[in-house]
């Protein structure tokens, strides 16, 4: 349940990026799809990983079934 609360704490954009990451998109693909700079994606991705307490994509993928 702790992980669900963490996921609920994500902003709408962070949640959107989370879904795109677990779908296998690169930062560049996400930036093109969302019409933002790659750096913006990097910042959102970094913040969501920090909020979820994960260090890498493998750990992030473990939370994928909760989305």
N, C-alpha and C. Protein backbone atom coordinates (compact mmCIF):
# COMPACT_ATOMS: atom_id res chain seq x y z
N UNK A 1 0.81 -1.20 0.00
CA UNK A 1 0.00 0.00 0.00
C UNK A 1 0.85 1.26 0.00
N UNK A 2 2.01 1.18 0.60
CA UNK A 2 2.90 2.34 0.66
C UNK A 2 3.23 2.84 -0.74
N UNK A 3 3.48 1.92 -1.66
CA UNK A 3 3.82 2.30 -3.03
C UNK A 3 2.64 2.98 -3.73
N UNK A 4 1.43 2.54 -3.45
CA UNK A 4 0.26 3.17 -4.05
C UNK A 4 0.13 4.62 -3.61
N UNK A 5 0.41 4.88 -2.36
CA UNK A 5 0.35 6.25 -1.85
C UNK A 5 1.41 7.11 -2.53
N UNK A 6 2.58 6.54 -2.77
CA UNK A 6 3.65 7.28 -3.44
C UNK A 6 3.25 7.60 -4.88
N UNK A 7 2.65 6.65 -5.56
CA UNK A 7 2.22 6.87 -6.95
C UNK A 7 1.12 7.92 -6.99
N UNK A 8 0.23 7.89 -6.03
CA UNK A 8 -0.84 8.89 -5.97
C UNK A 8 -0.30 10.30 -5.73
N UNK A 9 0.89 10.38 -5.13
CA UNK A 9 1.49 11.68 -4.83
C UNK A 9 2.15 12.32 -6.06
N UNK A 10 2.28 11.57 -7.15
CA UNK A 10 2.88 12.11 -8.37
C UNK A 10 1.97 13.16 -8.99
N UNK A 11 2.58 14.16 -9.60
CA UNK A 11 1.79 15.14 -10.34
C UNK A 11 1.22 14.47 -11.58
N UNK A 12 0.28 15.12 -12.21
CA UNK A 12 -0.34 14.56 -13.42
C UNK A 12 0.72 14.32 -14.50
N UNK A 13 1.64 15.28 -14.68
CA UNK A 13 2.68 15.14 -15.69
C UNK A 13 3.66 14.02 -15.34
N UNK A 14 4.03 13.91 -14.06
CA UNK A 14 4.92 12.83 -13.63
C UNK A 14 4.27 11.48 -13.86
N UNK A 15 2.99 11.40 -13.59
CA UNK A 15 2.25 10.15 -13.82
C UNK A 15 2.26 9.80 -15.32
N UNK A 16 2.06 10.82 -16.13
CA UNK A 16 2.07 10.65 -17.59
C UNK A 16 3.45 10.14 -18.05
N UNK A 17 4.50 10.73 -17.52
CA UNK A 17 5.86 10.33 -17.88
C UNK A 17 6.13 8.90 -17.40
N UNK A 18 5.67 8.60 -16.20
CA UNK A 18 5.83 7.25 -15.65
C UNK A 18 5.25 6.22 -16.63
N UNK A 19 4.04 6.46 -17.10
CA UNK A 19 3.41 5.54 -18.03
C UNK A 19 4.20 5.41 -19.33
N UNK A 20 4.74 6.53 -19.81
CA UNK A 20 5.52 6.50 -21.05
C UNK A 20 6.85 5.76 -20.85
N UNK A 21 7.47 5.93 -19.69
CA UNK A 21 8.73 5.22 -19.40
C UNK A 21 8.49 3.72 -19.37
N UNK A 22 7.45 3.29 -18.65
CA UNK A 22 7.21 1.85 -18.56
C UNK A 22 6.74 1.26 -19.88
N UNK A 23 6.27 2.12 -20.79
CA UNK A 23 5.91 1.66 -22.13
C UNK A 23 7.14 1.53 -23.03
N UNK A 24 8.31 1.95 -22.50
CA UNK A 24 9.55 1.77 -23.25
C UNK A 24 10.00 2.96 -24.07
N UNK A 25 9.39 4.12 -23.86
CA UNK A 25 9.76 5.31 -24.61
C UNK A 25 11.07 5.91 -24.11
N UNK A 26 11.84 6.47 -25.04
CA UNK A 26 13.05 7.20 -24.68
C UNK A 26 12.66 8.63 -24.30
N UNK A 27 13.61 9.34 -23.69
CA UNK A 27 13.35 10.74 -23.35
C UNK A 27 13.00 11.54 -24.59
N UNK A 28 13.69 11.31 -25.68
CA UNK A 28 13.43 12.04 -26.92
C UNK A 28 12.04 11.73 -27.45
N UNK A 29 11.64 10.47 -27.42
CA UNK A 29 10.29 10.09 -27.88
C UNK A 29 9.22 10.77 -27.02
N UNK A 30 9.45 10.78 -25.71
CA UNK A 30 8.48 11.41 -24.81
C UNK A 30 8.42 12.91 -25.06
N UNK A 31 9.57 13.54 -25.30
CA UNK A 31 9.57 14.98 -25.53
C UNK A 31 8.82 15.32 -26.82
N UNK A 32 8.98 14.50 -27.83
CA UNK A 32 8.25 14.72 -29.09
C UNK A 32 6.75 14.53 -28.89
N UNK A 33 6.38 13.51 -28.17
CA UNK A 33 4.95 13.22 -27.96
C UNK A 33 4.27 14.30 -27.13
N UNK A 34 4.99 14.82 -26.14
CA UNK A 34 4.39 15.80 -25.22
C UNK A 34 4.70 17.24 -25.63
N UNK A 35 5.45 17.40 -26.70
CA UNK A 35 5.81 18.74 -27.22
C UNK A 35 6.53 19.59 -26.17
N UNK A 36 7.51 18.98 -25.51
CA UNK A 36 8.35 19.70 -24.55
C UNK A 36 9.81 19.36 -24.83
N UNK A 37 10.72 20.09 -24.21
CA UNK A 37 12.15 19.84 -24.38
C UNK A 37 12.55 18.54 -23.70
N UNK A 38 13.60 17.92 -24.21
CA UNK A 38 14.13 16.69 -23.60
C UNK A 38 14.52 16.97 -22.15
N UNK A 39 15.08 18.12 -21.88
CA UNK A 39 15.48 18.47 -20.51
C UNK A 39 14.27 18.50 -19.58
N UNK A 40 13.14 18.94 -20.06
CA UNK A 40 11.91 18.95 -19.25
C UNK A 40 11.54 17.52 -18.87
N UNK A 41 11.64 16.60 -19.82
CA UNK A 41 11.37 15.19 -19.54
C UNK A 41 12.35 14.66 -18.50
N UNK A 42 13.63 15.00 -18.65
CA UNK A 42 14.64 14.54 -17.71
C UNK A 42 14.34 15.02 -16.29
N UNK A 43 13.89 16.25 -16.16
CA UNK A 43 13.57 16.81 -14.84
C UNK A 43 12.36 16.09 -14.24
N UNK A 44 11.30 15.93 -15.03
CA UNK A 44 10.10 15.23 -14.53
C UNK A 44 10.44 13.79 -14.15
N UNK A 45 11.22 13.14 -14.98
CA UNK A 45 11.59 11.74 -14.72
C UNK A 45 12.42 11.64 -13.44
N UNK A 46 13.34 12.55 -13.26
CA UNK A 46 14.16 12.58 -12.05
C UNK A 46 13.30 12.79 -10.81
N UNK A 47 12.37 13.73 -10.90
CA UNK A 47 11.49 14.03 -9.75
C UNK A 47 10.59 12.85 -9.42
N UNK A 48 10.05 12.18 -10.44
CA UNK A 48 9.16 11.05 -10.15
C UNK A 48 9.94 9.89 -9.54
N UNK A 49 11.17 9.69 -10.00
CA UNK A 49 11.99 8.61 -9.43
C UNK A 49 12.36 8.93 -7.98
N UNK A 50 12.64 10.20 -7.72
CA UNK A 50 12.94 10.63 -6.36
C UNK A 50 11.72 10.43 -5.45
N UNK A 51 10.55 10.83 -5.92
CA UNK A 51 9.32 10.68 -5.12
C UNK A 51 9.01 9.22 -4.84
N UNK A 52 9.29 8.35 -5.81
CA UNK A 52 8.99 6.93 -5.63
C UNK A 52 10.11 6.18 -4.90
N UNK A 53 11.24 6.85 -4.69
CA UNK A 53 12.34 6.24 -3.96
C UNK A 53 13.06 5.16 -4.74
N UNK A 54 13.13 5.33 -6.06
CA UNK A 54 13.83 4.36 -6.90
C UNK A 54 15.10 4.98 -7.46
N UNK A 55 16.09 4.13 -7.72
CA UNK A 55 17.39 4.60 -8.18
C UNK A 55 17.61 4.41 -9.67
N UNK A 56 16.84 3.49 -10.27
CA UNK A 56 17.06 3.20 -11.69
C UNK A 56 15.76 2.70 -12.33
N UNK A 57 15.82 2.51 -13.63
CA UNK A 57 14.63 2.10 -14.38
C UNK A 57 14.15 0.71 -13.97
N UNK A 58 15.07 -0.17 -13.63
CA UNK A 58 14.67 -1.52 -13.21
C UNK A 58 13.76 -1.45 -11.98
N UNK A 59 14.12 -0.62 -11.02
CA UNK A 59 13.29 -0.46 -9.82
C UNK A 59 11.96 0.21 -10.17
N UNK A 60 12.01 1.14 -11.10
CA UNK A 60 10.79 1.81 -11.53
C UNK A 60 9.84 0.82 -12.19
N UNK A 61 10.40 -0.09 -12.99
CA UNK A 61 9.58 -1.09 -13.68
C UNK A 61 8.86 -2.03 -12.71
N UNK A 62 9.45 -2.25 -11.54
CA UNK A 62 8.82 -3.10 -10.54
C UNK A 62 7.50 -2.50 -10.04
N UNK A 63 7.38 -1.16 -10.16
CA UNK A 63 6.16 -0.48 -9.73
C UNK A 63 5.13 -0.40 -10.85
N UNK A 64 5.49 -0.80 -12.05
CA UNK A 64 4.61 -0.69 -13.22
C UNK A 64 3.23 -1.31 -13.01
N UNK A 65 3.13 -2.49 -12.39
CA UNK A 65 1.78 -3.08 -12.22
C UNK A 65 0.84 -2.24 -11.36
N UNK A 66 1.36 -1.30 -10.62
CA UNK A 66 0.54 -0.48 -9.73
C UNK A 66 -0.11 0.70 -10.45
N UNK A 67 0.34 0.96 -11.67
CA UNK A 67 -0.19 2.13 -12.43
C UNK A 67 -1.45 1.76 -13.14
